[in-house]
Amino acid sequence: MTKLKIATISYLNSIPFVYGLENSNLNMDLTLDIPSVCAQKLLDGKVDLALVPVAVLPKLKQYHLVGDSCIGSFGKVETVCLFSDVALDQIDTILLDYQSRTSVELVKVLCKHFWKINPTFINAKAGYENEISSNVAGLIIGDRAYQYTEKYKYVFDLSEQWQLFTALPFVFACWVSNKKLDLEIEKEFSEALQFGLSNLDKALEQLKDKFDTSIDKKQYLTEVISYKLDEDKEKAMKLFLQYL
């Protein structure tokens, strides 16, 4: 039987998924990558199934949502923020995180439709975090965002901002295949994810050293991240894709 090629996100929020998959009987090759690389691998057909940024969905020739798990939040997500030394109406440039796709599109949607500002967007490269100053703001995603929460005068949590304007949760990433999978494989895959989510303490104990951050990991995964792809999150995804 051909191995299923799977890519998942190399951030703290994917710990339950990684644990569940690594403790399943799925015949697979599992890789961990930053979100933009997961997306590109699925676009290029290098993997069969991936946890990908929602913003990539319109770029796929065909896609299938697999399972009912996602990376989502209602209100603050803490790891997707716009950092600035000045208020929103004084920002003239935003540096965009190279690790992101959905968050890049989300900040553009917020600027245009909700904040009503028109900054210049620059696709940033590694090290851009040091260029945030004066009227130049920066979007930073992932676990490393925690390093900057005390450094800048203004921190705009994009999930919180989205919720303020839409009263909806936000979905950053979901599990997507680029072809229809066998129903039995889908079932086994979904069960693996649920196993990981149901055994969070074990997942954290086994994988904690892979994710070097000083925050309360369990609190973040249980109170900040919301994994269930429910009706409200599907509604939020649809609205976000309409804005795109």
Protein backbone atom coordinates (compact mmCIF):
# COMPACT_ATOMS: atom_id res chain seq x y z
CA MET A 1 0.00 0.00 0.00
CA THR A 2 1.38 3.42 -0.97
CA LYS A 3 2.37 5.62 1.93
CA LEU A 4 0.20 8.65 2.55
CA LYS A 5 2.35 11.78 2.42
CA ILE A 6 1.24 14.22 5.13
CA ALA A 7 2.52 17.67 6.09
CA THR A 8 1.57 19.47 9.27
CA ILE A 9 2.51 22.79 10.82
CA SER A 10 5.66 23.00 12.93
CA TYR A 11 4.10 25.22 15.59
CA LEU A 12 3.04 24.48 19.15
CA ASN A 13 -0.64 24.39 18.14
CA SER A 14 -0.12 21.22 16.09
CA ILE A 15 1.14 19.12 19.02
CA PRO A 16 -2.12 17.12 19.39
CA PHE A 17 -2.16 16.33 15.66
CA VAL A 18 1.49 15.25 15.60
CA TYR A 19 1.04 13.04 18.64
CA GLY A 20 -2.12 11.44 17.29
CA LEU A 21 -0.60 10.71 13.89
CA GLU A 22 2.69 9.41 15.29
CA ASN A 23 0.74 7.02 17.54
CA SER A 24 -1.56 5.76 14.80
CA ASN A 25 -1.26 2.81 12.44
CA LEU A 26 -1.48 4.99 9.34
CA ASN A 27 1.00 4.08 6.63
CA MET A 28 2.45 7.55 6.14
CA ASP A 29 5.38 9.90 5.77
CA LEU A 30 4.85 12.85 8.12
CA THR A 31 6.75 16.13 7.80
CA LEU A 32 6.56 19.30 9.89
CA ASP A 33 6.92 22.65 8.12
CA ILE A 34 6.00 26.31 8.49
CA PRO A 35 2.48 27.04 7.14
CA SER A 36 3.59 28.55 3.82
CA VAL A 37 5.70 25.46 3.06
CA CYS A 38 2.83 23.10 3.95
CA ALA A 39 0.68 25.03 1.49
CA GLN A 40 3.27 24.91 -1.27
CA LYS A 41 3.80 21.18 -0.81
CA LEU A 42 0.08 20.56 -1.30
CA LEU A 43 -0.06 22.93 -4.28
CA ASP A 44 2.90 21.15 -5.88
CA GLY A 45 1.46 17.70 -5.23
CA LYS A 46 4.41 16.74 -3.02
CA VAL A 47 2.02 15.61 -0.29
CA ASP A 48 -1.45 14.05 -0.39
CA LEU A 49 -2.80 15.71 2.72
CA ALA A 50 -1.74 18.75 4.72
CA LEU A 51 -2.71 21.14 7.47
CA VAL A 52 -2.75 24.23 5.28
CA PRO A 53 -3.55 27.93 5.63
CA VAL A 54 -7.16 28.56 4.64
CA ALA A 55 -6.06 31.26 2.17
CA VAL A 56 -4.53 28.62 -0.10
CA LEU A 57 -7.86 26.88 -0.83
CA PRO A 58 -8.83 29.03 -3.86
CA LYS A 59 -5.44 28.25 -5.44
CA LEU A 60 -5.94 24.48 -5.43
CA LYS A 61 -7.36 22.89 -8.59
CA GLN A 62 -9.44 20.69 -6.33
CA TYR A 63 -9.51 20.23 -2.61
CA HIS A 64 -11.30 18.14 -0.02
CA LEU A 65 -11.65 19.04 3.65
CA VAL A 66 -10.67 15.99 5.67
CA GLY A 67 -12.00 15.42 9.18
CA ASP A 68 -13.54 18.07 11.40
CA SER A 69 -10.43 19.47 13.07
CA CYS A 70 -8.70 22.79 12.40
CA ILE A 71 -6.50 25.46 13.93
CA GLY A 72 -8.96 28.13 15.00
CA SER A 73 -9.72 30.64 17.72
CA PHE A 74 -12.47 32.87 19.03
CA GLY A 75 -11.02 36.16 20.14
CA LYS A 76 -7.31 36.36 20.93
CA VAL A 77 -5.04 33.77 19.36
CA GLU A 78 -1.83 35.39 20.71
CA THR A 79 0.42 34.02 17.97
CA VAL A 80 -0.81 36.06 14.99
CA CYS A 81 -0.26 39.75 15.65
CA LEU A 82 0.51 43.04 14.00
CA PHE A 83 3.22 44.85 15.97
CA SER A 84 3.64 48.60 15.74
CA ASP A 85 5.12 51.63 17.49
CA VAL A 86 2.26 53.82 16.25
CA ALA A 87 -1.54 53.68 16.10
CA LEU A 88 -3.27 52.05 13.13
CA ASP A 89 -4.03 55.32 11.33
CA GLN A 90 -0.34 56.26 11.43
CA ILE A 91 0.98 53.03 9.90
CA ASP A 92 2.21 53.53 6.35
CA THR A 93 4.01 50.20 5.77
CA ILE A 94 3.35 46.63 6.92
CA LEU A 95 6.03 43.94 6.67
CA LEU A 96 4.39 40.59 5.93
CA ASP A 97 5.60 37.40 7.58
CA TYR A 98 7.17 35.01 5.05
CA GLN A 99 5.97 32.03 7.12
CA SER A 100 2.32 32.89 6.57
CA ARG A 101 -0.39 32.86 3.95
CA THR A 102 -3.73 33.12 5.74
CA SER A 103 -2.50 35.71 8.23
CA VAL A 104 -1.08 37.83 5.39
CA GLU A 105 -4.47 37.84 3.68
CA LEU A 106 -6.26 38.46 6.98
CA VAL A 107 -4.24 41.59 7.75
CA LYS A 108 -5.02 42.88 4.25
CA VAL A 109 -8.74 42.21 4.76
CA LEU A 110 -8.69 43.98 8.12
CA CYS A 111 -6.84 46.98 6.67
CA LYS A 112 -9.24 47.40 3.78
CA HIS A 113 -12.62 46.51 5.23
CA PHE A 114 -12.39 47.18 8.95
CA TRP A 115 -9.49 49.43 9.90
CA LYS A 116 -9.96 51.50 6.73
CA ILE A 117 -6.25 52.12 6.20
CA ASN A 118 -4.19 51.76 3.05
CA PRO A 119 -0.58 50.90 3.95
CA THR A 120 2.10 49.61 1.61
CA PHE A 121 2.57 45.85 2.02
CA ILE A 122 6.03 44.37 1.73
CA ASN A 123 6.74 40.62 1.56
CA ALA A 124 9.43 40.37 4.20
CA LYS A 125 12.43 38.08 4.49
CA ALA A 126 14.09 36.49 7.50
CA GLY A 127 15.25 39.11 9.99
CA TYR A 128 12.52 41.61 9.12
CA GLU A 129 11.40 41.71 12.75
CA ASN A 130 14.28 44.12 13.43
CA GLU A 131 12.90 46.56 10.85
CA ILE A 132 9.67 47.27 12.74
CA SER A 133 9.90 50.86 13.93
CA SER A 134 8.26 54.28 13.56
CA ASN A 135 5.54 54.03 10.86
CA VAL A 136 6.65 50.55 9.75
CA ALA A 137 4.60 47.78 11.38
CA GLY A 138 5.14 44.05 11.09
CA LEU A 139 2.99 40.92 11.01
CA ILE A 140 4.54 38.11 13.04
CA ILE A 141 3.00 34.65 13.37
CA GLY A 142 3.78 31.48 15.24
CA ASP A 143 5.35 30.76 18.61
CA ARG A 144 8.02 33.42 18.09
CA ALA A 145 5.35 36.15 18.27
CA TYR A 146 5.50 35.87 22.07
CA GLN A 147 9.02 37.36 21.98
CA TYR A 148 7.65 40.70 20.79
CA THR A 149 4.57 41.29 22.93
CA GLU A 150 6.42 43.62 25.30
CA LYS A 151 8.65 45.23 22.70
CA TYR A 152 6.15 47.40 20.82
CA LYS A 153 3.60 49.96 21.99
CA TYR A 154 0.76 48.45 19.95
CA VAL A 155 -0.09 44.78 19.48
CA PHE A 156 -3.11 43.99 17.31
CA ASP A 157 -4.18 40.35 17.65
CA LEU A 158 -5.66 39.54 14.24
CA SER A 159 -8.07 36.89 15.47
CA GLU A 160 -9.37 39.26 18.15
CA GLN A 161 -9.76 42.05 15.58
CA TRP A 162 -11.65 39.72 13.22
CA GLN A 163 -13.97 38.67 16.05
CA LEU A 164 -14.63 42.30 17.02
CA PHE A 165 -15.75 43.13 13.48
CA THR A 166 -17.57 39.92 12.49
CA ALA A 167 -18.60 38.32 15.83
CA LEU A 168 -17.18 35.09 14.42
CA PRO A 169 -14.27 32.82 15.25
CA PHE A 170 -11.39 32.55 12.80
CA VAL A 171 -9.90 29.50 11.11
CA PHE A 172 -6.21 29.76 10.30
CA ALA A 173 -5.63 26.28 8.94
CA CYS A 174 -7.55 23.11 8.13
CA TRP A 175 -6.79 19.60 6.93
CA VAL A 176 -7.02 19.38 3.15
CA SER A 177 -6.29 16.73 0.53
CA ASN A 178 -5.69 17.49 -3.14
CA LYS A 179 -7.59 14.37 -4.19
CA LYS A 180 -10.38 12.25 -2.81
CA LEU A 181 -9.05 9.84 -0.21
CA ASP A 182 -10.30 6.36 0.54
CA LEU A 183 -13.07 6.57 3.13
CA GLU A 184 -11.32 4.07 5.40
CA ILE A 185 -8.13 6.15 5.32
CA GLU A 186 -10.11 9.30 6.10
CA LYS A 187 -11.74 7.53 9.04
CA GLU A 188 -8.40 6.29 10.38
CA PHE A 189 -6.88 9.75 9.92
CA SER A 190 -9.72 11.49 11.75
CA GLU A 191 -9.49 8.98 14.60
CA ALA A 192 -5.75 9.68 14.88
CA LEU A 193 -6.39 13.41 15.23
CA GLN A 194 -9.05 12.83 17.87
CA PHE A 195 -6.73 10.49 19.76
CA GLY A 196 -4.16 13.28 19.92
CA LEU A 197 -6.72 15.84 21.05
CA SER A 198 -8.03 13.46 23.71
CA ASN A 199 -4.56 12.78 25.08
CA LEU A 200 -3.20 16.30 25.30
CA ASP A 201 -1.22 15.75 28.49
CA LYS A 202 0.62 12.80 26.97
CA ALA A 203 1.16 14.74 23.76
CA LEU A 204 2.69 17.66 25.65
CA GLU A 205 4.91 15.38 27.71
CA GLN A 206 6.21 13.56 24.63
CA LEU A 207 6.65 16.58 22.35
CA LYS A 208 7.27 19.54 24.66
CA ASP A 209 11.00 19.74 23.88
CA LYS A 210 10.27 20.22 20.18
CA PHE A 211 8.55 23.51 20.91
CA ASP A 212 10.78 25.86 22.87
CA THR A 213 8.51 28.51 24.33
CA SER A 214 8.10 29.61 27.93
CA ILE A 215 4.32 30.04 27.85
CA ASP A 216 1.85 27.77 29.60
CA LYS A 217 1.51 25.30 26.75
CA LYS A 218 -1.54 23.47 28.11
CA GLN A 219 -3.45 26.70 28.71
CA TYR A 220 -2.62 27.88 25.19
CA LEU A 221 -3.80 24.64 23.60
CA THR A 222 -6.98 24.31 25.67
CA GLU A 223 -8.09 27.91 26.19
CA VAL A 224 -6.69 29.83 23.21
CA ILE A 225 -6.69 27.39 20.30
CA SER A 226 -10.02 25.89 19.23
CA TYR A 227 -9.71 22.68 17.23
CA LYS A 228 -13.31 21.79 16.34
CA LEU A 229 -14.33 22.79 12.81
CA ASP A 230 -17.90 23.57 13.78
CA GLU A 231 -20.70 25.46 12.06
CA ASP A 232 -19.53 28.91 13.21
CA LYS A 233 -16.00 28.25 11.99
CA GLU A 234 -17.28 27.03 8.63
CA LYS A 235 -19.31 30.25 8.38
CA ALA A 236 -16.21 32.27 9.24
CA MET A 237 -14.14 30.43 6.62
CA LYS A 238 -16.76 31.12 3.97
CA LEU A 239 -16.88 34.83 4.85
CA PHE A 240 -13.09 35.13 4.83
CA LEU A 241 -12.83 33.43 1.44
CA GLN A 242 -15.50 35.81 0.09
CA TYR A 243 -13.33 38.74 1.15
CA LEU A 244 -10.43 37.22 -0.75
